Amino acid sequence: MAGKAAVIVWRRWIFPLLLVIVLGATAVALVKIAFFPDQTVAAVVPEAAITDPVIAVERGSVVNELSLSGNVARDDAFTVRSEITGAVAAVHVGEGATVAAGQKLFTITQDDPKKDIDVLAPEAGEISEIALVKGQPTSVGTEIYKMTPARYHLLATVEPVQLYRLVNAPTEASVTITGGPAPFTCTGVRVEVSPEGTASVRCAIPTDQVVFAGLPATLDLALGKVEDALVIPVTAVQGGAGSGNVWVDAGDGADPEERAVTLGVNDGTIVEVVSGLDEGESIRQFVPGFVAPVQENCYEVAPGVEQCDSGTNW
């Protein structure tokens, strides 16, 4: 009876309990394998390093041309002062009159010696703010009228960073007026910088050209040209206006040599090297600390839909 009872205990209690334990251990092992695998840290060893790009000094051509957008404007009015002491004998023009060069404006009877003198228009334009009436005395230096000349100029804005390119700029430029006559030459080119730092280029429009204030126009300047000259990219130069520094690479793994160079014509992308480098020498494409520009590659992903990816230039 005792043996039979023991068999019953094993069948009813011990075997089921052992089965539960085994199944539980198996489940725990499966959960660990599925969700908590063994992790090992792999050491990543760089196989290559990014190096500063090196370029060779080559020969080429540089054309320094600058195209600026501007508008036609009328020259400013100016005040005319009397050069005679006497009395006004006659006033020959009215307020706002349009006059030709040399036209009679006033007649003044000079005191000493006593004689009548005609005051003539110095150039074509419009007369305003007339300060004389018949019988009125006048003296040297008195403001007698204001003239708005029939002269026009082109005023084009320029980025301050481009001012160095305008050093020794020519005195003439080509002007193209939107919807106007064929391109023509303007003279007296000069650079103006306001106290606030606004930079502009101005030139005089020939008087035989029919123009109107406010017309949009383009000013084209030929600032210089060289052929078969030593050239390098401006990104390789620290400086740029007449002189600068470049970094010459010997190719032996040593630190590059900083070298002073004399520069010539610059088109904003390529610059002429007048002295300091020889053809074939290798230099760093970018000066130390230069951040290479980001280049965008754009492509059409669907009709009328464009996507752009950015990539860094090295």
C-alpha atoms as a PDB file:
ATOM      1  CA  MET A   1       0.000   0.000   0.000  1.00  0.00           C
ATOM      2  CA  ALA A   2       2.875   2.343   0.873  1.00  0.00           C
ATOM      3  CA  GLY A   3       4.488   1.813  -2.559  1.00  0.00           C
ATOM      4  CA  LYS A   4       1.219   2.449  -4.316  1.00  0.00           C
ATOM      5  CA  ALA A   5       0.732   5.675  -2.345  1.00  0.00           C
ATOM      6  CA  ALA A   6       4.236   6.868  -3.293  1.00  0.00           C
ATOM      7  CA  VAL A   7       3.536   6.287  -6.992  1.00  0.00           C
ATOM      8  CA  ILE A   8       0.338   8.285  -6.700  1.00  0.00           C
ATOM      9  CA  VAL A   9       2.206  11.204  -5.044  1.00  0.00           C
ATOM     10  CA  TRP A  10       4.825  11.232  -7.821  1.00  0.00           C
ATOM     11  CA  ARG A  11       2.223  11.173 -10.564  1.00  0.00           C
ATOM     12  CA  ARG A  12      -0.113  13.746  -9.051  1.00  0.00           C
ATOM     13  CA  TRP A  13       2.302  16.260  -7.527  1.00  0.00           C
ATOM     14  CA  ILE A  14       6.022  15.855  -8.196  1.00  0.00           C
ATOM     15  CA  PHE A  15       5.967  15.199 -11.993  1.00  0.00           C
ATOM     16  CA  PRO A  16       3.509  18.094 -12.718  1.00  0.00           C
ATOM     17  CA  LEU A  17       5.587  20.415 -10.527  1.00  0.00           C
ATOM     18  CA  LEU A  18       8.819  19.460 -12.298  1.00  0.00           C
ATOM     19  CA  LEU A  19       7.108  19.964 -15.688  1.00  0.00           C
ATOM     20  CA  VAL A  20       5.963  23.435 -14.636  1.00  0.00           C
ATOM     21  CA  ILE A  21       9.510  24.349 -13.537  1.00  0.00           C
ATOM     22  CA  VAL A  22      11.036  23.127 -16.807  1.00  0.00           C
ATOM     23  CA  LEU A  23       8.465  24.935 -18.944  1.00  0.00           C
ATOM     24  CA  GLY A  24       8.935  28.147 -16.911  1.00  0.00           C
ATOM     25  CA  ALA A  25      12.713  28.028 -17.353  1.00  0.00           C
ATOM     26  CA  THR A  26      12.295  27.464 -21.069  1.00  0.00           C
ATOM     27  CA  ALA A  27       9.940  30.444 -21.384  1.00  0.00           C
ATOM     28  CA  VAL A  28      12.337  32.698 -19.488  1.00  0.00           C
ATOM     29  CA  ALA A  29      15.196  31.629 -21.773  1.00  0.00           C
ATOM     30  CA  LEU A  30      13.126  32.336 -24.896  1.00  0.00           C
ATOM     31  CA  VAL A  31      12.146  35.814 -23.620  1.00  0.00           C
ATOM     32  CA  LYS A  32      15.802  36.628 -22.898  1.00  0.00           C
ATOM     33  CA  ILE A  33      16.892  35.502 -26.332  1.00  0.00           C
ATOM     34  CA  ALA A  34      14.106  37.429 -28.050  1.00  0.00           C
ATOM     35  CA  PHE A  35      14.291  40.748 -26.163  1.00  0.00           C
ATOM     36  CA  PHE A  36      17.639  40.848 -24.366  1.00  0.00           C
ATOM     37  CA  PRO A  37      20.316  39.452 -26.661  1.00  0.00           C
ATOM     38  CA  ASP A  38      23.937  39.595 -25.596  1.00  0.00           C
ATOM     39  CA  GLN A  39      25.513  42.881 -26.701  1.00  0.00           C
ATOM     40  CA  THR A  40      29.127  43.438 -27.517  1.00  0.00           C
ATOM     41  CA  VAL A  41      30.711  46.824 -28.171  1.00  0.00           C
ATOM     42  CA  ALA A  42      32.512  46.905 -31.456  1.00  0.00           C
ATOM     43  CA  ALA A  43      35.402  49.314 -31.731  1.00  0.00           C
ATOM     44  CA  VAL A  44      35.121  51.468 -34.853  1.00  0.00           C
ATOM     45  CA  VAL A  45      38.484  52.381 -36.230  1.00  0.00           C
ATOM     46  CA  PRO A  46      38.492  55.109 -38.883  1.00  0.00           C
ATOM     47  CA  GLU A  47      40.096  53.906 -42.043  1.00  0.00           C
ATOM     48  CA  ALA A  48      40.453  57.336 -43.690  1.00  0.00           C
ATOM     49  CA  ALA A  49      40.483  60.988 -42.681  1.00  0.00           C
ATOM     50  CA  ILE A  50      39.153  64.045 -44.501  1.00  0.00           C
ATOM     51  CA  THR A  51      42.037  66.134 -45.772  1.00  0.00           C
ATOM     52  CA  ASP A  52      42.155  69.687 -47.067  1.00  0.00           C
ATOM     53  CA  PRO A  53      41.889  69.635 -50.867  1.00  0.00           C
ATOM     54  CA  VAL A  54      44.994  70.706 -52.748  1.00  0.00           C
ATOM     55  CA  ILE A  55      45.021  72.339 -56.188  1.00  0.00           C
ATOM     56  CA  ALA A  56      47.770  73.240 -58.643  1.00  0.00           C
ATOM     57  CA  VAL A  57      48.606  76.779 -59.694  1.00  0.00           C
ATOM     58  CA  GLU A  58      47.672  76.992 -63.377  1.00  0.00           C
ATOM     59  CA  ARG A  59      47.503  79.489 -66.200  1.00  0.00           C
ATOM     60  CA  GLY A  60      44.235  80.921 -67.438  1.00  0.00           C
ATOM     61  CA  SER A  61      42.247  84.028 -68.261  1.00  0.00           C
ATOM     62  CA  VAL A  62      40.387  86.357 -65.914  1.00  0.00           C
ATOM     63  CA  VAL A  63      37.759  88.850 -67.048  1.00  0.00           C
ATOM     64  CA  ASN A  64      36.553  91.215 -64.360  1.00  0.00           C
ATOM     65  CA  GLU A  65      33.136  92.451 -65.427  1.00  0.00           C
ATOM     66  CA  LEU A  66      30.509  93.819 -63.104  1.00  0.00           C
ATOM     67  CA  SER A  67      26.843  94.252 -63.964  1.00  0.00           C
ATOM     68  CA  LEU A  68      24.787  96.440 -61.644  1.00  0.00           C
ATOM     69  CA  SER A  69      21.082  97.248 -61.530  1.00  0.00           C
ATOM     70  CA  GLY A  70      19.974 100.841 -61.112  1.00  0.00           C
ATOM     71  CA  ASN A  71      17.600 103.588 -62.196  1.00  0.00           C
ATOM     72  CA  VAL A  72      17.722 106.764 -64.231  1.00  0.00           C
ATOM     73  CA  ALA A  73      17.514 109.893 -62.082  1.00  0.00           C
ATOM     74  CA  ARG A  74      17.521 113.612 -62.795  1.00  0.00           C
ATOM     75  CA  ASP A  75      20.449 115.655 -61.542  1.00  0.00           C
ATOM     76  CA  ASP A  76      19.841 117.644 -58.366  1.00  0.00           C
ATOM     77  CA  ALA A  77      18.748 121.250 -58.495  1.00  0.00           C
ATOM     78  CA  PHE A  78      21.273 123.899 -57.510  1.00  0.00           C
ATOM     79  CA  THR A  79      21.038 127.492 -56.308  1.00  0.00           C
ATOM     80  CA  VAL A  80      22.377 130.360 -58.421  1.00  0.00           C
ATOM     81  CA  ARG A  81      23.756 133.492 -56.721  1.00  0.00           C
ATOM     82  CA  SER A  82      24.064 136.996 -58.108  1.00  0.00           C
ATOM     83  CA  GLU A  83      27.424 138.176 -59.397  1.00  0.00           C
ATOM     84  CA  ILE A  84      26.254 141.776 -59.804  1.00  0.00           C
ATOM     85  CA  THR A  85      25.460 144.614 -57.405  1.00  0.00           C
ATOM     86  CA  GLY A  86      22.685 146.835 -58.690  1.00  0.00           C
ATOM     87  CA  ALA A  87      18.924 146.986 -59.272  1.00  0.00           C
ATOM     88  CA  VAL A  88      16.700 144.606 -61.221  1.00  0.00           C
ATOM     89  CA  ALA A  89      15.643 146.276 -64.449  1.00  0.00           C
ATOM     90  CA  ALA A  90      13.571 143.377 -65.826  1.00  0.00           C
ATOM     91  CA  VAL A  91      12.559 139.758 -65.121  1.00  0.00           C
ATOM     92  CA  HIS A  92      12.208 137.761 -68.341  1.00  0.00           C
ATOM     93  CA  VAL A  93      11.012 134.366 -67.037  1.00  0.00           C
ATOM     94  CA  GLY A  94       8.299 133.100 -64.738  1.00  0.00           C
ATOM     95  CA  GLU A  95       8.286 130.524 -61.974  1.00  0.00           C
ATOM     96  CA  GLY A  96       8.760 126.994 -63.317  1.00  0.00           C
ATOM     97  CA  ALA A  97       9.862 128.126 -66.775  1.00  0.00           C
ATOM     98  CA  THR A  98      11.823 125.721 -68.954  1.00  0.00           C
ATOM     99  CA  VAL A  99      14.793 127.518 -70.466  1.00  0.00           C
ATOM    100  CA  ALA A 100      17.606 126.808 -72.909  1.00  0.00           C
ATOM    101  CA  ALA A 101      21.279 127.354 -72.258  1.00  0.00           C
ATOM    102  CA  GLY A 102      22.132 131.045 -72.720  1.00  0.00           C
ATOM    103  CA  GLN A 103      18.511 132.240 -72.508  1.00  0.00           C
ATOM    104  CA  LYS A 104      17.990 135.686 -70.937  1.00  0.00           C
ATOM    105  CA  LEU A 105      16.575 135.465 -67.386  1.00  0.00           C
ATOM    106  CA  PHE A 106      17.058 138.916 -65.799  1.00  0.00           C
ATOM    107  CA  THR A 107      18.431 142.318 -66.632  1.00  0.00           C
ATOM    108  CA  ILE A 108      20.256 144.080 -63.809  1.00  0.00           C
ATOM    109  CA  THR A 109      21.461 147.693 -63.876  1.00  0.00           C
ATOM    110  CA  GLN A 110      24.919 147.582 -62.370  1.00  0.00           C
ATOM    111  CA  ASP A 111      25.864 150.382 -59.960  1.00  0.00           C
ATOM    112  CA  ASP A 112      29.510 150.857 -60.843  1.00  0.00           C
ATOM    113  CA  PRO A 113      30.124 151.305 -63.679  1.00  0.00           C
ATOM    114  CA  LYS A 114      26.532 152.079 -64.545  1.00  0.00           C
ATOM    115  CA  LYS A 115      25.290 149.676 -67.227  1.00  0.00           C
ATOM    116  CA  ASP A 116      22.649 147.033 -67.932  1.00  0.00           C
ATOM    117  CA  ILE A 117      23.793 143.408 -67.695  1.00  0.00           C
ATOM    118  CA  ASP A 118      21.753 140.406 -68.787  1.00  0.00           C
ATOM    119  CA  VAL A 119      21.810 137.336 -66.537  1.00  0.00           C
ATOM    120  CA  LEU A 120      21.736 134.218 -68.771  1.00  0.00           C
ATOM    121  CA  ALA A 121      20.799 130.601 -68.039  1.00  0.00           C
ATOM    122  CA  PRO A 122      24.027 128.608 -67.501  1.00  0.00           C
ATOM    123  CA  GLU A 123      22.432 125.497 -69.081  1.00  0.00           C
ATOM    124  CA  ALA A 124      19.095 124.037 -70.095  1.00  0.00           C
ATOM    125  CA  GLY A 125      16.672 123.265 -67.322  1.00  0.00           C
ATOM    126  CA  GLU A 126      13.809 124.563 -65.222  1.00  0.00           C
ATOM    127  CA  ILE A 127      13.817 127.786 -63.193  1.00  0.00           C
ATOM    128  CA  SER A 128      12.199 127.895 -59.749  1.00  0.00           C
ATOM    129  CA  GLU A 129      12.270 129.861 -56.495  1.00  0.00           C
ATOM    130  CA  ILE A 130      12.865 133.139 -58.320  1.00  0.00           C
ATOM    131  CA  ALA A 131      13.887 135.704 -55.689  1.00  0.00           C
ATOM    132  CA  LEU A 132      13.970 138.849 -57.855  1.00  0.00           C
ATOM    133  CA  VAL A 133      11.303 141.362 -58.931  1.00  0.00           C
ATOM    134  CA  LYS A 134      11.625 144.465 -61.047  1.00  0.00           C
ATOM    135  CA  GLY A 135      13.122 147.391 -59.138  1.00  0.00           C
ATOM    136  CA  GLN A 136      14.563 145.198 -56.379  1.00  0.00           C
ATOM    137  CA  PRO A 137      18.172 145.855 -55.351  1.00  0.00           C
ATOM    138  CA  THR A 138      20.538 142.918 -55.425  1.00  0.00           C
ATOM    139  CA  SER A 139      24.148 142.357 -54.473  1.00  0.00           C
ATOM    140  CA  VAL A 140      26.925 139.881 -55.110  1.00  0.00           C
ATOM    141  CA  GLY A 141      26.252 136.551 -53.362  1.00  0.00           C
ATOM    142  CA  THR A 142      22.488 136.944 -53.076  1.00  0.00           C
ATOM    143  CA  GLU A 143      20.449 133.827 -53.991  1.00  0.00           C
ATOM    144  CA  ILE A 144      18.427 134.806 -57.050  1.00  0.00           C
ATOM    145  CA  TYR A 145      16.926 131.533 -58.362  1.00  0.00           C
ATOM    146  CA  LYS A 146      17.212 127.747 -58.380  1.00  0.00           C
ATOM    147  CA  MET A 147      17.817 125.656 -61.476  1.00  0.00           C
ATOM    148  CA  THR A 148      16.944 122.006 -62.055  1.00  0.00           C
ATOM    149  CA  PRO A 149      19.202 121.028 -64.962  1.00  0.00           C
ATOM    150  CA  ALA A 150      17.943 118.978 -67.908  1.00  0.00           C
ATOM    151  CA  ARG A 151      20.629 116.422 -67.124  1.00  0.00           C
ATOM    152  CA  TYR A 152      20.218 112.810 -66.068  1.00  0.00           C
ATOM    153  CA  HIS A 153      22.427 110.190 -64.500  1.00  0.00           C
ATOM    154  CA  LEU A 154      22.286 106.514 -63.716  1.00  0.00           C
ATOM    155  CA  LEU A 155      22.546 105.459 -60.099  1.00  0.00           C
ATOM    156  CA  ALA A 156      23.219 101.767 -59.468  1.00  0.00           C
ATOM    157  CA  THR A 157      23.478 100.094 -56.096  1.00  0.00           C
ATOM    158  CA  VAL A 158      26.524  97.976 -55.281  1.00  0.00           C
ATOM    159  CA  GLU A 159      27.208  95.509 -52.475  1.00  0.00           C
ATOM    160  CA  PRO A 160      29.914  96.855 -50.128  1.00  0.00           C
ATOM    161  CA  VAL A 161      31.889  93.622 -50.579  1.00  0.00           C
ATOM    162  CA  GLN A 162      32.296  94.530 -54.275  1.00  0.00           C
ATOM    163  CA  LEU A 163      33.890  97.921 -53.602  1.00  0.00           C
ATOM    164  CA  TYR A 164      37.419  96.519 -53.821  1.00  0.00           C
ATOM    165  CA  ARG A 165      36.648  95.346 -57.343  1.00  0.00           C
ATOM    166  CA  LEU A 166      35.791  98.944 -58.232  1.00  0.00           C
ATOM    167  CA  VAL A 167      39.180 100.341 -57.216  1.00  0.00           C
ATOM    168  CA  ASN A 168      40.652 101.993 -60.338  1.00  0.00           C
ATOM    169  CA  ALA A 169      37.348 101.509 -62.158  1.00  0.00           C
ATOM    170  CA  PRO A 170      37.147 103.003 -65.682  1.00  0.00           C
ATOM    171  CA  THR A 171      35.497 106.369 -66.238  1.00  0.00           C
ATOM    172  CA  GLU A 172      33.049 104.965 -68.800  1.00  0.00           C
ATOM    173  CA  ALA A 173      30.438 102.218 -68.681  1.00  0.00           C
ATOM    174  CA  SER A 174      27.738 100.718 -70.878  1.00  0.00           C
ATOM    175  CA  VAL A 175      24.112 101.456 -70.012  1.00  0.00           C
ATOM    176  CA  THR A 176      21.122  99.391 -71.094  1.00  0.00           C
ATOM    177  CA  ILE A 177      17.692 100.842 -70.318  1.00  0.00           C
ATOM    178  CA  THR A 178      14.807  98.401 -70.066  1.00  0.00           C
ATOM    179  CA  GLY A 179      12.568  99.025 -73.057  1.00  0.00           C
ATOM    180  CA  GLY A 180      14.745 101.942 -74.120  1.00  0.00           C
ATOM    181  CA  PRO A 181      17.244 102.701 -76.886  1.00  0.00           C
ATOM    182  CA  ALA A 182      20.262 100.600 -77.852  1.00  0.00           C
ATOM    183  CA  PRO A 183      22.987 100.364 -75.188  1.00  0.00           C
ATOM    184  CA  PHE A 184      25.038 103.547 -74.948  1.00  0.00           C
ATOM    185  CA  THR A 185      28.087 104.807 -73.087  1.00  0.00           C
ATOM    186  CA  CYS A 186      27.823 106.905 -69.956  1.00  0.00           C
ATOM    187  CA  THR A 187      30.741 108.943 -68.647  1.00  0.00           C
ATOM    188  CA  GLY A 188      32.143 110.214 -65.374  1.00  0.00           C
ATOM    189  CA  VAL A 189      31.782 106.883 -63.537  1.00  0.00           C
ATOM    190  CA  ARG A 190      32.353 107.340 -59.837  1.00  0.00           C
ATOM    191  CA  VAL A 191      31.726 105.359 -56.670  1.00  0.00           C
ATOM    192  CA  GLU A 192      29.740 106.991 -53.877  1.00  0.00           C
ATOM    193  CA  VAL A 193      29.528 105.755 -50.288  1.00  0.00           C
ATOM    194  CA  SER A 194      27.064 107.442 -47.953  1.00  0.00           C
ATOM    195  CA  PRO A 195      27.814 108.072 -44.252  1.00  0.00           C
ATOM    196  CA  GLU A 196      25.444 105.177 -43.512  1.00  0.00           C
ATOM    197  CA  GLY A 197      27.594 102.841 -45.614  1.00  0.00           C
ATOM    198  CA  THR A 198      25.285 102.567 -48.629  1.00  0.00           C
ATOM    199  CA  ALA A 199      27.400 102.170 -51.762  1.00  0.00           C
ATOM    200  CA  SER A 200      26.427 103.134 -55.302  1.00  0.00           C
ATOM    201  CA  VAL A 201      27.949 103.762 -58.716  1.00  0.00           C
ATOM    202  CA  ARG A 202      26.951 106.862 -60.661  1.00  0.00           C
ATOM    203  CA  CYS A 203      27.594 108.011 -64.237  1.00  0.00           C
ATOM    204  CA  ALA A 204      26.342 110.831 -66.450  1.00  0.00           C
ATOM    205  CA  ILE A 205      23.920 110.059 -69.279  1.00  0.00           C
ATOM    206  CA  PRO A 206      24.706 111.875 -72.534  1.00  0.00           C
ATOM    207  CA  THR A 207      22.393 114.799 -73.195  1.00  0.00           C
ATOM    208  CA  ASP A 208      21.472 113.457 -76.649  1.00  0.00           C
ATOM    209  CA  GLN A 209      19.817 110.398 -75.101  1.00  0.00           C
ATOM    210  CA  VAL A 210      16.083 110.635 -74.450  1.00  0.00           C
ATOM    211  CA  VAL A 211      15.477 109.223 -70.971  1.00  0.00           C
ATOM    212  CA  PHE A 212      13.041 109.659 -68.103  1.00  0.00           C
ATOM    213  CA  ALA A 213      13.563 109.635 -64.373  1.00  0.00           C
ATOM    214  CA  GLY A 214      12.767 106.316 -62.743  1.00  0.00           C
ATOM    215  CA  LEU A 215      13.515 104.065 -65.725  1.00  0.00           C
ATOM    216  CA  PRO A 216      15.222 100.813 -64.659  1.00  0.00           C
ATOM    217  CA  ALA A 217      18.596 100.221 -66.267  1.00  0.00           C
ATOM    218  CA  THR A 218      21.690  98.040 -66.120  1.00  0.00           C
ATOM    219  CA  LEU A 219      25.225  99.366 -65.760  1.00  0.00           C
ATOM    220  CA  ASP A 220      27.990  97.147 -67.181  1.00  0.00           C
ATOM    221  CA  LEU A 221      31.577  97.861 -66.154  1.00  0.00           C
ATOM    222  CA  ALA A 222      34.648  96.321 -67.797  1.00  0.00           C
ATOM    223  CA  LEU A 223      37.060  96.371 -64.864  1.00  0.00           C
ATOM    224  CA  GLY A 224      39.962  94.404 -66.279  1.00  0.00           C
ATOM    225  CA  LYS A 225      41.076  91.422 -68.328  1.00  0.00           C
ATOM    226  CA  VAL A 226      44.205  89.243 -68.412  1.00  0.00           C
ATOM    227  CA  GLU A 227      45.108  86.213 -70.483  1.00  0.00           C
ATOM    228  CA  ASP A 228      47.671  83.451 -69.952  1.00  0.00           C
ATOM    229  CA  ALA A 229      48.178  84.521 -66.337  1.00  0.00           C
ATOM    230  CA  LEU A 230      48.745  82.487 -63.173  1.00  0.00           C
ATOM    231  CA  VAL A 231      45.323  82.074 -61.568  1.00  0.00           C
ATOM    232  CA  ILE A 232      43.936  80.524 -58.384  1.00  0.00           C
ATOM    233  CA  PRO A 233      40.458  80.433 -56.803  1.00  0.00           C
ATOM    234  CA  VAL A 234      39.620  83.247 -54.408  1.00  0.00           C
ATOM    235  CA  THR A 235      38.798  80.634 -51.747  1.00  0.00           C
ATOM    236  CA  ALA A 236      42.523  79.864 -51.543  1.00  0.00           C
ATOM    237  CA  VAL A 237      43.464  83.451 -50.678  1.00  0.00           C
ATOM    238  CA  GLN A 238      43.339  85.234 -47.374  1.00  0.00           C
ATOM    239  CA  GLY A 239      42.814  88.818 -48.501  1.00  0.00           C
ATOM    240  CA  GLY A 240      42.123  89.621 -52.123  1.00  0.00           C
ATOM    241  CA  ALA A 241      42.532  93.341 -52.847  1.00  0.00           C
ATOM    242  CA  GLY A 242      46.041  93.701 -54.251  1.00  0.00           C
ATOM    243  CA  SER A 243      47.680  91.303 -51.810  1.00  0.00           C
ATOM    244  CA  GLY A 244      46.930  88.200 -49.788  1.00  0.00           C
ATOM    245  CA  ASN A 245      48.225  84.983 -48.279  1.00  0.00           C
ATOM    246  CA  VAL A 246      48.068  81.415 -49.576  1.00  0.00           C
ATOM    247  CA  TRP A 247      49.096  78.078 -48.074  1.00  0.00           C
ATOM    248  CA  VAL A 248      51.585  76.134 -50.197  1.00  0.00           C
ATOM    249  CA  ASP A 249      51.550  72.344 -49.798  1.00  0.00           C
ATOM    250  CA  ALA A 250      54.874  70.512 -50.321  1.00  0.00           C
ATOM    251  CA  GLY A 251      53.144  67.148 -50.596  1.00  0.00           C
ATOM    252  CA  ASP A 252      55.284  65.460 -47.929  1.00  0.00           C
ATOM    253  CA  GLY A 253      52.710  65.535 -45.154  1.00  0.00           C
ATOM    254  CA  ALA A 254      54.288  68.570 -43.471  1.00  0.00           C
ATOM    255  CA  ASP A 255      52.285  71.631 -42.468  1.00  0.00           C
ATOM    256  CA  PRO A 256      51.631  73.961 -45.428  1.00  0.00           C
ATOM    257  CA  GLU A 257      53.780  77.065 -45.852  1.00  0.00           C
ATOM    258  CA  GLU A 258      52.011  80.394 -45.508  1.00  0.00           C
ATOM    259  CA  ARG A 259      53.170  82.657 -48.325  1.00  0.00           C
ATOM    260  CA  ALA A 260      52.385  86.254 -49.292  1.00  0.00           C
ATOM    261  CA  VAL A 261      51.271  86.879 -52.880  1.00  0.00           C
ATOM    262  CA  THR A 262      50.560  89.905 -55.045  1.00  0.00           C
ATOM    263  CA  LEU A 263      47.170  89.797 -56.758  1.00  0.00           C
ATOM    264  CA  GLY A 264      45.766  91.322 -59.928  1.00  0.00           C
ATOM    265  CA  VAL A 265      42.469  91.037 -61.772  1.00  0.00           C
ATOM    266  CA  ASN A 266      39.707  89.391 -59.775  1.00  0.00           C
ATOM    267  CA  ASP A 267      36.342  88.281 -61.161  1.00  0.00           C
ATOM    268  CA  GLY A 268      34.940  87.232 -57.790  1.00  0.00           C
ATOM    269  CA  THR A 269      35.730  83.540 -58.378  1.00  0.00           C
ATOM    270  CA  ILE A 270      39.218  83.443 -59.896  1.00  0.00           C
ATOM    271  CA  VAL A 271      42.055  85.861 -59.150  1.00  0.00           C
ATOM    272  CA  GLU A 272      45.288  86.592 -60.999  1.00  0.00           C
ATOM    273  CA  VAL A 273      48.556  85.975 -59.122  1.00  0.00           C
ATOM    274  CA  VAL A 274      51.107  88.617 -60.132  1.00  0.00           C
ATOM    275  CA  SER A 275      53.926  87.319 -57.924  1.00  0.00           C
ATOM    276  CA  GLY A 276      54.585  84.901 -55.063  1.00  0.00           C
ATOM    277  CA  LEU A 277      53.706  81.601 -56.767  1.00  0.00           C
ATOM    278  CA  ASP A 278      55.058  79.534 -59.633  1.00  0.00           C
ATOM    279  CA  GLU A 279      53.107  77.504 -62.125  1.00  0.00           C
ATOM    280  CA  GLY A 280      52.603  73.926 -60.937  1.00  0.00           C
ATOM    281  CA  GLU A 281      52.964  74.623 -57.222  1.00  0.00           C
ATOM    282  CA  SER A 282      50.298  73.061 -55.013  1.00  0.00           C
ATOM    283  CA  ILE A 283      48.241  75.158 -52.623  1.00  0.00           C
ATOM    284  CA  ARG A 284      45.355  74.514 -50.268  1.00  0.00           C
ATOM    285  CA  GLN A 285      42.032  75.196 -51.965  1.00  0.00           C
ATOM    286  CA  PHE A 286      40.599  76.808 -48.835  1.00  0.00           C
ATOM    287  CA  VAL A 287      42.289  79.057 -46.300  1.00  0.00           C
ATOM    288  CA  PRO A 288      42.463  77.686 -42.728  1.00  0.00           C
ATOM    289  CA  GLY A 289      39.128  77.999 -40.979  1.00  0.00           C
ATOM    290  CA  PHE A 290      37.226  78.443 -44.237  1.00  0.00           C
ATOM    291  CA  VAL A 291      33.806  76.779 -44.231  1.00  0.00           C
ATOM    292  CA  ALA A 292      33.210  75.261 -47.634  1.00  0.00           C
ATOM    293  CA  PRO A 293      29.905  76.273 -49.215  1.00  0.00           C
ATOM    294  CA  VAL A 294      26.990  73.874 -49.150  1.00  0.00           C
ATOM    295  CA  GLN A 295      25.971  72.668 -52.582  1.00  0.00           C
ATOM    296  CA  GLU A 296      22.336  71.850 -53.267  1.00  0.00           C
ATOM    297  CA  ASN A 297      21.431  69.177 -55.776  1.00  0.00           C
ATOM    298  CA  CYS A 298      17.862  69.663 -56.960  1.00  0.00           C
ATOM    299  CA  TYR A 299      15.783  67.274 -59.017  1.00  0.00           C
ATOM    300  CA  GLU A 300      12.139  66.846 -59.957  1.00  0.00           C
ATOM    301  CA  VAL A 301      10.366  64.124 -57.972  1.00  0.00           C
ATOM    302  CA  ALA A 302       6.954  64.744 -59.549  1.00  0.00           C
ATOM    303  CA  PRO A 303       5.507  67.089 -62.153  1.00  0.00           C
ATOM    304  CA  GLY A 304       6.003  70.571 -60.727  1.00  0.00           C
ATOM    305  CA  VAL A 305       7.525  69.241 -57.488  1.00  0.00           C
ATOM    306  CA  GLU A 306      11.242  69.737 -56.853  1.00  0.00           C
ATOM    307  CA  GLN A 307      13.353  68.294 -54.054  1.00  0.00           C
ATOM    308  CA  CYS A 308      16.786  69.569 -53.061  1.00  0.00           C
ATOM    309  CA  ASP A 309      19.462  67.651 -51.160  1.00  0.00           C
ATOM    310  CA  SER A 310      22.345  69.454 -49.529  1.00  0.00           C
ATOM    311  CA  GLY A 311      25.899  68.215 -49.564  1.00  0.00           C
ATOM    312  CA  THR A 312      29.063  69.772 -48.220  1.00  0.00           C
ATOM    313  CA  ASN A 313      31.889  70.678 -50.590  1.00  0.00           C
ATOM    314  CA  TRP A 314      35.308  69.767 -49.285  1.00  0.00           C
END
